[in-house]
Amino acid sequence: MAAMQHEPAAGHPDPEVRGWAPSSWRDRPANQMPQWPDPDVLAAAQRTVAALPPLVFAGEARRLTDSLAQVAAGRAVVLQAGDCAESFAEQTADAIRDKLKVILQMAVVLTYASGVPVVKIGRIAGQFAKPRSSPVERVGDVEMPAFRGHIVNDDAPIPAARVPDATRLVTAYHHAAATLNLLRAFTKGGFADLSHVHAWNQEFVASSAEGRRYEAIAEEIDRALRFMRACGVDLSTGAPIHQVDFYTSHEALLLDYEEALTRRDSLTGDWYDCSAHMLWIGERTRALDGAHVEFLSGVRNPIGVKLGPTTTRDEALALCERLNPDRVPGRLTLICRFGVAKVTGVLPALVRAVTDAGHPVVWQCDPMHGNTFTSENGRKTRHFDDVLGEIRGFFAVHRAEGTWPGGVHVELTGDDVTECLGGVEDILEEQLPLRYTTTCDPRLNARQAIDLAFRVAELLRA
């Protein structure tokens, strides 16, 4: 397990010898970082967070790396899902439970249909910050600082609420700790028991076509479990079906927060960012000489990088060399977010270059961010058909290249929202305002998410 800072263990060179330290990012250009108005308040918040216990442990991060290595080798798939930006106001037990339900349902569908393990990673317990395309936004006739996530400022449409407040770093830590506590209770305490798959169904999913497809799978799992018991298979409390491994992740955007939660593991001497099991670098912060790449190059967590449609083969190769020079399987995930119109044109060259160079990466499809547009009523949205279309293109490229499509990275909620168009409910533009509650980007609702899982399962089976 990770501890507070200790001397490095024998056989593990100090990263500082290589010129890296948790604070070395401060010498690099840092995009998307807020302008904190009071350096003293920021420093005090960092000291407070640094003195608090780690949120996750090094051993857990290493287990996730091992699981992702199986994905890289084509023996598992990864499902990474959760909110666009977590809201401090919505960190309730019911909201966390319902989000977990949907992810577990999707994983059951994918596992049952594909026959391979599913590595389950939530965009949860830390996804409080969001990059923005502009530092300001207009609300009515008033221009004000953009909302950057509740770890930075508030989404209330008044200028005073948008002033960055560093004390929110401490608040974010406590929200993350409470969420993690509940997630561990759910996933290890019986809620995630495979024999309870029926209980994961929400009413509005159970009444839909995809809900009935899910119930059919649940019935077959029940029959299989009854058969195993009849054959004398041990399904006692300690059996793997009674709990799941569930990991947390978020974009490592606010490096002041990430640095404060970076600890040196007492067993290995390696540095780990103990704010989450997995961290990723966004499309707007993946500059090779930038602060975010510098920071994540030195921690030993599994990490991801978002690649957009302008990514060149040389950029992809340079990021692989910088972030995983030792070619450790499971260390690096390339999260592709090209858009339905560009995926088949951009992805093949990247796959060939990275594969030919011998980098054992996980290839993951983010079909959300490249397909976002603004509707006529001013709401940001995505169309389910575009989301599915990009996934299909992603799978087609890997099929043609003989490589493994490692999984998907989606934004969803357990709430019955109307934020993404189409899907089995055929949500229309005029219906978007009915239940549009996201603080930033549009999310799939539970019905759309389960439907997507069935579609991805069909692609995996093929």
Protein backbone atom coordinates (compact mmCIF):
# COMPACT_ATOMS: atom_id res chain seq x y z
CA MET A 1 0.00 0.00 0.00
CA ALA A 2 1.05 3.56 -0.55
CA ALA A 3 2.11 5.62 2.39
CA MET A 4 3.14 9.20 2.92
CA GLN A 5 6.54 10.10 1.52
CA HIS A 6 9.34 7.64 2.41
CA GLU A 7 12.82 7.02 1.13
CA PRO A 8 12.87 4.86 -2.02
CA ALA A 9 13.17 1.13 -1.53
CA ALA A 10 16.36 -0.64 -2.61
CA GLY A 11 16.48 -1.36 -6.32
CA HIS A 12 14.11 1.47 -7.24
CA PRO A 13 15.95 4.56 -8.47
CA ASP A 14 14.77 7.91 -7.21
CA PRO A 15 12.78 9.67 -9.97
CA GLU A 16 14.49 12.91 -8.98
CA VAL A 17 17.73 11.47 -10.37
CA ARG A 18 16.01 11.57 -13.76
CA GLY A 19 15.03 15.20 -13.20
CA TRP A 20 11.42 14.46 -12.18
CA ALA A 21 9.69 15.46 -8.97
CA PRO A 22 6.00 15.93 -8.12
CA SER A 23 6.57 19.68 -8.52
CA SER A 24 8.67 19.59 -11.72
CA TRP A 25 5.57 20.38 -13.80
CA ARG A 26 5.79 23.93 -12.47
CA ASP A 27 8.69 24.64 -14.83
CA ARG A 28 6.54 23.82 -17.88
CA PRO A 29 3.72 25.68 -19.66
CA ALA A 30 0.41 24.66 -18.07
CA ASN A 31 -2.73 25.01 -20.18
CA GLN A 32 -6.26 25.07 -18.75
CA MET A 33 -5.14 25.95 -15.23
CA PRO A 34 -7.27 28.53 -13.36
CA GLN A 35 -5.88 31.88 -12.30
CA TRP A 36 -6.15 31.56 -8.52
CA PRO A 37 -6.66 35.08 -7.09
CA ASP A 38 -4.86 34.47 -3.78
CA PRO A 39 -1.60 32.43 -3.77
CA ASP A 40 -1.67 32.17 0.02
CA VAL A 41 -5.12 30.54 0.01
CA LEU A 42 -3.94 28.12 -2.68
CA ALA A 43 -0.82 27.21 -0.72
CA ALA A 44 -2.86 26.62 2.45
CA ALA A 45 -5.31 24.38 0.55
CA GLN A 46 -2.44 22.38 -0.91
CA ARG A 47 -0.89 21.88 2.51
CA THR A 48 -4.23 20.69 3.88
CA VAL A 49 -4.75 18.16 1.08
CA ALA A 50 -1.13 16.98 1.28
CA ALA A 51 -1.56 16.20 4.98
CA LEU A 52 -4.71 14.11 4.42
CA PRO A 53 -4.61 10.33 3.78
CA PRO A 54 -4.30 9.05 0.20
CA LEU A 55 -7.62 8.37 -1.51
CA VAL A 56 -6.38 5.22 -3.25
CA PHE A 57 -3.40 2.95 -2.71
CA ALA A 58 -0.43 2.03 -4.85
CA GLY A 59 -1.28 -1.67 -4.75
CA GLU A 60 -4.72 -0.96 -6.21
CA ALA A 61 -3.17 1.08 -9.03
CA ARG A 62 -0.76 -1.77 -9.77
CA ARG A 63 -3.65 -4.23 -9.97
CA LEU A 64 -5.37 -1.96 -12.45
CA THR A 65 -2.19 -1.83 -14.55
CA ASP A 66 -2.13 -5.64 -14.56
CA SER A 67 -5.80 -5.76 -15.62
CA LEU A 68 -5.22 -3.23 -18.39
CA ALA A 69 -2.26 -5.31 -19.56
CA GLN A 70 -4.80 -8.07 -20.26
CA VAL A 71 -6.79 -5.57 -22.32
CA ALA A 72 -3.67 -4.59 -24.26
CA ALA A 73 -3.07 -8.27 -24.98
CA GLY A 74 -6.61 -8.76 -26.31
CA ARG A 75 -7.80 -10.87 -23.39
CA ALA A 76 -10.17 -8.34 -21.77
CA VAL A 77 -12.04 -5.10 -22.50
CA VAL A 78 -12.28 -1.89 -20.52
CA LEU A 79 -15.44 0.06 -19.75
CA GLN A 80 -14.71 3.59 -18.50
CA ALA A 81 -17.84 5.57 -17.74
CA GLY A 82 -19.37 8.26 -15.59
CA ASP A 83 -20.23 11.93 -15.37
CA CYS A 84 -18.85 14.60 -17.65
CA ALA A 85 -18.16 16.68 -14.55
CA GLU A 86 -19.21 15.58 -11.09
CA SER A 87 -21.27 18.09 -9.17
CA PHE A 88 -20.77 18.78 -5.47
CA ALA A 89 -24.55 19.13 -5.22
CA GLU A 90 -25.24 15.67 -6.64
CA GLN A 91 -22.85 13.53 -4.57
CA THR A 92 -25.73 11.74 -2.86
CA ALA A 93 -25.91 8.05 -2.04
CA ASP A 94 -28.76 7.53 -4.51
CA ALA A 95 -26.95 9.29 -7.34
CA ILE A 96 -23.74 7.31 -6.77
CA ARG A 97 -25.67 4.03 -6.50
CA ASP A 98 -27.65 4.63 -9.68
CA LYS A 99 -24.55 5.56 -11.64
CA LEU A 100 -22.80 2.41 -10.40
CA LYS A 101 -25.88 0.34 -11.31
CA VAL A 102 -25.71 1.42 -14.94
CA ILE A 103 -21.98 0.71 -15.19
CA LEU A 104 -22.45 -2.75 -13.63
CA GLN A 105 -25.32 -3.47 -16.01
CA MET A 106 -23.23 -2.47 -19.00
CA ALA A 107 -20.35 -4.64 -17.78
CA VAL A 108 -22.64 -7.66 -17.37
CA VAL A 109 -23.93 -7.23 -20.91
CA LEU A 110 -20.39 -6.90 -22.31
CA THR A 111 -19.02 -9.84 -20.31
CA TYR A 112 -21.91 -12.16 -21.09
CA ALA A 113 -21.93 -11.37 -24.80
CA SER A 114 -18.18 -11.24 -25.42
CA GLY A 115 -16.97 -13.96 -23.06
CA VAL A 116 -14.01 -11.86 -21.86
CA PRO A 117 -13.50 -10.01 -18.56
CA VAL A 118 -14.49 -6.35 -18.35
CA VAL A 119 -12.25 -3.93 -16.48
CA LYS A 120 -14.58 -1.44 -14.82
CA ILE A 121 -13.35 2.14 -14.33
CA GLY A 122 -15.57 5.01 -13.26
CA ARG A 123 -15.23 8.67 -14.14
CA ILE A 124 -16.01 9.23 -10.51
CA ALA A 125 -14.67 10.35 -7.11
CA GLY A 126 -12.54 13.12 -8.61
CA GLN A 127 -13.91 14.22 -12.01
CA PHE A 128 -14.59 17.71 -10.70
CA ALA A 129 -12.60 19.83 -13.19
CA LYS A 130 -13.27 20.48 -16.87
CA PRO A 131 -11.16 22.09 -19.61
CA ARG A 132 -12.93 24.82 -21.53
CA SER A 133 -12.53 26.12 -25.06
CA SER A 134 -12.76 29.73 -23.83
CA PRO A 135 -11.82 31.31 -20.48
CA VAL A 136 -15.07 33.31 -20.54
CA GLU A 137 -18.69 32.69 -21.46
CA ARG A 138 -21.72 34.89 -21.99
CA VAL A 139 -24.85 34.42 -19.89
CA GLY A 140 -27.55 36.66 -21.31
CA ASP A 141 -25.87 40.03 -21.77
CA VAL A 142 -23.17 39.44 -19.16
CA GLU A 143 -19.71 38.06 -19.90
CA MET A 144 -18.17 36.15 -16.99
CA PRO A 145 -15.45 33.58 -16.33
CA ALA A 146 -16.27 30.12 -17.65
CA PHE A 147 -17.41 27.41 -15.25
CA ARG A 148 -14.42 25.08 -14.82
CA GLY A 149 -15.94 22.48 -12.52
CA HIS A 150 -16.87 22.60 -8.87
CA ILE A 151 -13.30 22.07 -7.75
CA VAL A 152 -12.56 25.54 -9.19
CA ASN A 153 -15.71 27.68 -9.12
CA ASP A 154 -19.50 27.48 -9.05
CA ASP A 155 -21.85 27.07 -11.99
CA ALA A 156 -24.26 29.78 -10.77
CA PRO A 157 -24.69 32.30 -13.62
CA ILE A 158 -23.31 35.30 -11.75
CA PRO A 159 -19.76 36.70 -12.01
CA ALA A 160 -19.03 36.43 -8.27
CA ALA A 161 -19.67 32.67 -8.34
CA ARG A 162 -17.17 32.19 -11.16
CA VAL A 163 -14.14 33.51 -9.27
CA PRO A 164 -11.73 30.56 -8.69
CA ASP A 165 -11.69 29.52 -5.03
CA ALA A 166 -8.77 27.34 -3.93
CA THR A 167 -10.55 26.17 -0.77
CA ARG A 168 -12.62 24.03 -3.14
CA LEU A 169 -9.59 21.73 -3.50
CA VAL A 170 -10.15 20.62 0.09
CA THR A 171 -13.91 20.29 -0.46
CA ALA A 172 -13.26 18.17 -3.56
CA TYR A 173 -11.02 15.84 -1.55
CA HIS A 174 -13.75 15.24 1.02
CA HIS A 175 -16.39 14.64 -1.67
CA ALA A 176 -14.06 12.16 -3.36
CA ALA A 177 -13.37 10.38 -0.06
CA ALA A 178 -17.09 10.05 0.71
CA THR A 179 -17.81 8.75 -2.80
CA LEU A 180 -14.99 6.22 -2.61
CA ASN A 181 -16.20 5.01 0.76
CA LEU A 182 -19.65 4.32 -0.66
CA LEU A 183 -18.28 2.72 -3.85
CA ARG A 184 -16.12 0.33 -1.83
CA ALA A 185 -19.11 -0.57 0.34
CA PHE A 186 -21.26 -1.24 -2.72
CA THR A 187 -18.69 -3.22 -4.72
CA LYS A 188 -17.28 -5.27 -1.85
CA GLY A 189 -20.25 -5.46 0.51
CA GLY A 190 -22.82 -7.40 -1.51
CA PHE A 191 -24.52 -4.83 -3.77
CA ALA A 192 -22.40 -5.94 -6.75
CA ASP A 193 -23.09 -9.64 -6.11
CA LEU A 194 -23.70 -11.25 -9.50
CA SER A 195 -26.63 -13.16 -8.05
CA HIS A 196 -28.35 -9.80 -7.54
CA VAL A 197 -28.27 -8.69 -11.18
CA HIS A 198 -32.06 -8.22 -11.18
CA ALA A 199 -31.79 -5.68 -8.37
CA TRP A 200 -29.59 -3.40 -10.46
CA ASN A 201 -32.42 -2.58 -12.85
CA GLN A 202 -34.09 0.78 -12.46
CA GLU A 203 -37.82 0.96 -13.10
CA PHE A 204 -37.52 3.01 -16.26
CA VAL A 205 -34.97 0.57 -17.68
CA ALA A 206 -37.01 -2.49 -16.73
CA SER A 207 -39.99 -1.12 -18.66
CA SER A 208 -38.03 -0.64 -21.90
CA ALA A 209 -36.97 -2.96 -24.70
CA GLU A 210 -33.30 -2.89 -23.76
CA GLY A 211 -34.31 -3.43 -20.13
CA ARG A 212 -36.13 -6.61 -21.14
CA ARG A 213 -33.03 -7.77 -23.06
CA TYR A 214 -31.02 -7.18 -19.91
CA GLU A 215 -33.53 -9.12 -17.81
CA ALA A 216 -33.18 -12.06 -20.19
CA ILE A 217 -29.43 -12.09 -19.55
CA ALA A 218 -30.06 -11.84 -15.82
CA GLU A 219 -32.36 -14.88 -15.99
CA GLU A 220 -29.70 -16.86 -17.83
CA ILE A 221 -27.09 -15.88 -15.22
CA ASP A 222 -29.46 -17.03 -12.48
CA ARG A 223 -29.91 -20.37 -14.19
CA ALA A 224 -26.16 -20.75 -14.59
CA LEU A 225 -25.59 -20.01 -10.90
CA ARG A 226 -28.26 -22.52 -9.87
CA PHE A 227 -26.61 -25.12 -12.11
CA MET A 228 -23.18 -24.43 -10.57
CA ARG A 229 -24.58 -24.80 -7.06
CA ALA A 230 -26.25 -28.06 -8.02
CA CYS A 231 -22.90 -29.32 -9.32
CA GLY A 232 -21.23 -28.50 -6.01
CA VAL A 233 -19.31 -25.42 -7.16
CA ASP A 234 -18.37 -23.25 -4.18
CA LEU A 235 -20.39 -20.05 -4.38
CA SER A 236 -19.92 -19.09 -0.75
CA THR A 237 -19.33 -15.55 0.44
CA GLY A 238 -15.68 -15.54 -0.60
CA ALA A 239 -16.38 -16.48 -4.21
CA PRO A 240 -15.52 -13.85 -6.89
CA ILE A 241 -19.15 -13.48 -7.99
CA HIS A 242 -20.01 -11.66 -4.76
CA GLN A 243 -17.86 -8.58 -5.36
CA VAL A 244 -16.18 -6.70 -8.19
CA ASP A 245 -13.05 -4.66 -8.69
CA PHE A 246 -14.10 -1.13 -9.50
CA TYR A 247 -11.53 1.57 -10.14
CA THR A 248 -11.72 5.37 -10.19
CA SER A 249 -10.35 7.83 -12.71
CA HIS A 250 -10.44 11.48 -13.69
CA GLU A 251 -8.65 13.94 -15.93
CA ALA A 252 -5.48 15.15 -14.19
CA LEU A 253 -6.24 18.76 -14.99
CA LEU A 254 -5.61 20.67 -11.75
CA LEU A 255 -1.98 19.85 -11.07
CA ASP A 256 -1.99 21.77 -7.78
CA TYR A 257 -4.45 19.16 -6.48
CA GLU A 258 -2.70 16.20 -8.11
CA GLU A 259 0.70 17.18 -6.72
CA ALA A 260 -0.74 17.47 -3.21
CA LEU A 261 -2.02 13.88 -3.42
CA THR A 262 1.15 12.37 -4.86
CA ARG A 263 2.84 9.97 -2.48
CA ARG A 264 5.91 7.75 -2.57
CA ASP A 265 5.03 4.09 -2.13
CA SER A 266 6.72 2.60 0.92
CA LEU A 267 7.10 -0.82 -0.76
CA THR A 268 8.63 0.15 -4.10
CA GLY A 269 9.83 3.72 -3.71
CA ASP A 270 7.81 4.72 -6.77
CA TRP A 271 5.62 7.82 -6.89
CA TYR A 272 1.84 7.41 -7.23
CA ASP A 273 -0.86 10.00 -7.67
CA CYS A 274 -3.21 8.80 -4.95
CA SER A 275 -6.18 10.92 -6.06
CA ALA A 276 -7.40 8.10 -8.35
CA HIS A 277 -6.36 4.72 -9.67
CA MET A 278 -6.07 6.02 -13.24
CA LEU A 279 -5.48 9.54 -14.54
CA TRP A 280 -5.68 10.86 -18.07
CA ILE A 281 -4.34 13.81 -20.05
CA GLY A 282 -6.88 15.69 -22.15
CA GLU A 283 -6.79 16.68 -25.80
CA ARG A 284 -6.12 20.30 -24.79
CA THR A 285 -3.26 19.49 -22.39
CA ARG A 286 -1.26 16.78 -24.17
CA ALA A 287 1.57 19.07 -25.34
CA LEU A 288 4.76 17.02 -25.19
CA ASP A 289 6.68 19.77 -23.37
CA GLY A 290 3.69 20.78 -21.25
CA ALA A 291 3.09 20.54 -17.51
CA HIS A 292 0.50 17.75 -17.67
CA VAL A 293 2.66 15.35 -19.68
CA GLU A 294 5.60 16.17 -17.41
CA PHE A 295 3.62 15.42 -14.27
CA LEU A 296 2.10 12.11 -15.39
CA SER A 297 5.40 10.91 -16.85
CA GLY A 298 6.69 10.48 -13.30
CA VAL A 299 3.84 8.75 -11.47
CA ARG A 300 3.37 5.00 -11.78
CA ASN A 301 -0.42 4.91 -12.08
CA PRO A 302 -1.91 3.61 -15.30
CA ILE A 303 -2.54 6.70 -17.42
CA GLY A 304 -4.44 7.68 -20.53
CA VAL A 305 -4.07 10.31 -23.23
CA LYS A 306 -6.94 11.72 -25.28
CA LEU A 307 -6.10 11.86 -29.00
CA GLY A 308 -8.18 14.14 -31.24
CA PRO A 309 -8.50 14.26 -35.03
CA THR A 310 -5.44 16.50 -35.49
CA THR A 311 -3.09 13.96 -33.87
CA THR A 312 -0.23 12.90 -36.12
CA ARG A 313 1.62 9.61 -36.02
CA ASP A 314 4.77 11.40 -34.81
CA GLU A 315 2.85 13.01 -31.95
CA ALA A 316 1.33 9.68 -30.93
CA LEU A 317 4.73 7.97 -30.98
CA ALA A 318 6.37 10.79 -29.02
CA LEU A 319 3.68 10.59 -26.34
CA CYS A 320 4.14 6.82 -26.07
CA GLU A 321 7.90 7.21 -25.67
CA ARG A 322 7.54 10.01 -23.14
CA LEU A 323 4.86 8.40 -21.00
CA ASN A 324 5.80 4.72 -21.28
CA PRO A 325 9.44 4.47 -22.38
CA ASP A 326 9.82 1.03 -20.75
CA ARG A 327 6.82 -0.29 -22.73
CA VAL A 328 5.05 -1.62 -19.64
CA PRO A 329 1.81 -3.35 -20.74
CA GLY A 330 -1.24 -1.68 -19.22
CA ARG A 331 0.59 1.52 -18.32
CA LEU A 332 -0.72 3.61 -21.25
CA THR A 333 -4.19 3.88 -22.78
CA LEU A 334 -4.72 5.88 -25.97
CA ILE A 335 -8.25 7.28 -25.82
CA CYS A 336 -9.39 8.12 -29.35
CA ARG A 337 -11.94 10.93 -29.78
CA PHE A 338 -12.08 11.70 -33.50
CA GLY A 339 -15.77 12.04 -34.34
CA VAL A 340 -17.86 9.74 -36.51
CA ALA A 341 -16.79 11.46 -39.75
CA LYS A 342 -13.04 11.22 -39.08
CA VAL A 343 -12.37 8.02 -37.14
CA THR A 344 -11.75 5.74 -40.12
CA GLY A 345 -9.55 8.34 -41.78
CA VAL A 346 -7.31 9.22 -38.82
CA LEU A 347 -7.07 6.07 -36.72
CA PRO A 348 -5.42 3.55 -39.12
CA ALA A 349 -2.12 5.44 -39.44
CA LEU A 350 -1.88 5.87 -35.66
CA VAL A 351 -2.59 2.19 -35.01
CA ARG A 352 0.05 1.10 -37.53
CA ALA A 353 2.70 3.47 -36.21
CA VAL A 354 2.19 2.59 -32.54
CA THR A 355 1.94 -1.15 -33.25
CA ASP A 356 5.04 -1.19 -35.47
CA ALA A 357 6.99 0.63 -32.75
CA GLY A 358 6.10 -2.12 -30.26
CA HIS A 359 4.12 -0.04 -27.78
CA PRO A 360 1.72 -2.31 -25.81
CA VAL A 361 -1.06 0.28 -25.47
CA VAL A 362 -4.76 -0.11 -24.75
CA TRP A 363 -6.80 1.34 -27.62
CA GLN A 364 -10.00 2.89 -26.30
CA CYS A 365 -12.80 4.73 -28.10
CA ASP A 366 -14.28 7.93 -26.67
CA PRO A 367 -17.27 8.41 -28.99
CA MET A 368 -18.67 11.37 -27.06
CA HIS A 369 -16.40 14.39 -27.37
CA GLY A 370 -15.82 14.35 -31.11
CA ASN A 371 -19.57 14.31 -31.76
CA THR A 372 -20.72 17.25 -29.64
CA PHE A 373 -22.66 20.09 -31.26
CA THR A 374 -25.01 22.88 -30.20
CA SER A 375 -28.69 22.38 -30.98
CA GLU A 376 -30.98 25.10 -32.29
CA ASN A 377 -32.22 25.75 -28.77
CA GLY A 378 -28.67 26.43 -27.57
CA ARG A 379 -28.10 23.13 -25.73
CA LYS A 380 -24.89 21.17 -26.24
CA THR A 381 -25.84 17.67 -27.30
CA ARG A 382 -24.75 14.49 -29.08
CA HIS A 383 -26.72 12.11 -31.25
CA PHE A 384 -26.81 8.46 -30.25
CA ASP A 385 -26.34 7.42 -33.89
CA ASP A 386 -23.11 9.40 -34.11
CA VAL A 387 -21.83 7.91 -30.85
CA LEU A 388 -22.57 4.41 -32.11
CA GLY A 389 -21.19 5.25 -35.55
CA GLU A 390 -17.81 6.25 -34.16
CA ILE A 391 -17.62 3.04 -32.13
CA ARG A 392 -18.42 1.02 -35.26
CA GLY A 393 -15.70 2.86 -37.18
CA PHE A 394 -13.24 2.26 -34.33
CA PHE A 395 -13.98 -1.48 -34.38
CA ALA A 396 -13.77 -1.62 -38.18
CA VAL A 397 -10.29 -0.07 -38.17
CA HIS A 398 -8.99 -2.52 -35.59
CA ARG A 399 -10.54 -5.42 -37.44
CA ALA A 400 -8.77 -4.32 -40.62
CA GLU A 401 -5.45 -3.76 -38.82
CA GLY A 402 -5.59 -7.01 -36.86
CA THR A 403 -5.43 -5.18 -33.52
CA TRP A 404 -7.65 -5.32 -30.45
CA PRO A 405 -10.35 -2.66 -29.86
CA GLY A 406 -9.79 -2.40 -26.14
CA GLY A 407 -13.02 -0.75 -25.01
CA VAL A 408 -15.07 2.41 -24.69
CA HIS A 409 -14.99 5.62 -22.66
CA VAL A 410 -18.41 7.24 -22.30
CA GLU A 411 -20.18 9.94 -20.32
CA LEU A 412 -23.40 8.76 -18.66
CA THR A 413 -25.65 9.16 -15.67
CA GLY A 414 -28.07 6.95 -13.81
CA ASP A 415 -30.71 9.69 -14.05
CA ASP A 416 -33.47 9.74 -16.66
CA VAL A 417 -32.10 12.82 -18.41
CA THR A 418 -32.76 14.19 -21.90
CA GLU A 419 -29.31 15.41 -22.93
CA CYS A 420 -28.32 13.24 -25.91
CA LEU A 421 -30.55 12.91 -28.97
CA GLY A 422 -31.88 9.67 -30.43
CA GLY A 423 -31.53 6.23 -28.92
CA VAL A 424 -34.39 3.85 -28.24
CA GLU A 425 -36.48 6.71 -26.86
CA ASP A 426 -35.70 8.82 -29.95
CA ILE A 427 -35.15 12.00 -27.92
CA LEU A 428 -35.79 15.05 -30.11
CA GLU A 429 -34.24 18.51 -29.96
CA GLU A 430 -37.38 20.06 -28.55
CA GLN A 431 -37.25 17.54 -25.69
CA LEU A 432 -33.73 18.47 -24.56
CA PRO A 433 -34.86 21.12 -22.02
CA LEU A 434 -37.20 18.66 -20.26
CA ARG A 435 -34.51 17.06 -18.09
CA TYR A 436 -31.21 18.69 -19.04
CA THR A 437 -29.24 18.76 -15.77
CA THR A 438 -25.56 18.36 -16.67
CA THR A 439 -23.17 21.04 -15.42
CA CYS A 440 -21.12 20.79 -18.60
CA ASP A 441 -21.40 18.25 -21.45
CA PRO A 442 -24.41 16.04 -22.34
CA ARG A 443 -24.54 12.48 -20.99
CA LEU A 444 -26.25 9.28 -22.05
CA ASN A 445 -29.14 8.31 -19.80
CA ALA A 446 -29.50 4.79 -18.43
CA ARG A 447 -31.60 3.48 -21.32
CA GLN A 448 -29.22 4.85 -23.91
CA ALA A 449 -26.23 3.48 -21.99
CA ILE A 450 -27.64 -0.05 -21.74
CA ASP A 451 -28.61 0.06 -25.41
CA LEU A 452 -25.06 1.11 -26.27
CA ALA A 453 -23.66 -1.79 -24.24
CA PHE A 454 -25.70 -4.26 -26.29
CA ARG A 455 -24.46 -2.68 -29.53
CA VAL A 456 -20.82 -2.81 -28.37
CA ALA A 457 -21.31 -6.41 -27.24
CA GLU A 458 -22.48 -7.33 -30.75
CA LEU A 459 -19.35 -5.74 -32.20
CA LEU A 460 -17.13 -7.63 -29.74
CA ARG A 461 -18.89 -10.90 -30.53
CA ALA A 462 -18.34 -10.31 -34.24
